[in-house]
Amino acid sequence: MCHKYTVQRGTKRWPLCIFYGMIDMAALNAFILWKPKNPERNRNKRYQRRLFIEELGLSLVTPLLDFRSKTSTFLHKDIENALAIVGHPVTKRNLQESNEDPSQRKRKRCSICETSKDRKTSTKCYKCSAFVCNEHCIQQFFRMNCSK
């Protein structure tokens, strides 16, 4: 029953095969537990389990889509288009302060990199105004030591 709707893909790595099997079993178990609580949902459909798995996947991905569409600044155009298709348009966020003149931007060392790397940048964190290089620019949203 797990193999009818599976997430399994061709791979040579055995841990990945086990992980795929665990996901398949978890989805089947979730459907078995969900069905008695929602007997009228999709009752006349022959593919109730497929619809449940689609809803489950969408409900698991939606919080990440919301977060990513609101916080990410440098997304590939294909990702932006895909987010827009599923109803999460990307809001462009400018890391630089809008009132700064480009000719007057300060350049300082990245606050995350080691000082020995001496990476100078003019990009700032939008929360705490700490300078961050291009490598750490995307990671700044996940920083725990941001002061704001």
Foldseek 3Di string as FASTA:
>chain_A
DLPVDFPDDDDPDVVVVVVRVVVSVVLVVVCVVVCVVCVPPCVVDPPPSVVSVVVVVCVVCVVVLQVCLEPDADDDPVVQVVSVVVPRHHDHDAQDDPPDDVVPQDWAAAPPDDVVVRDIDRGAGNQQRGDHDPVCPRVPVVDPPRPD
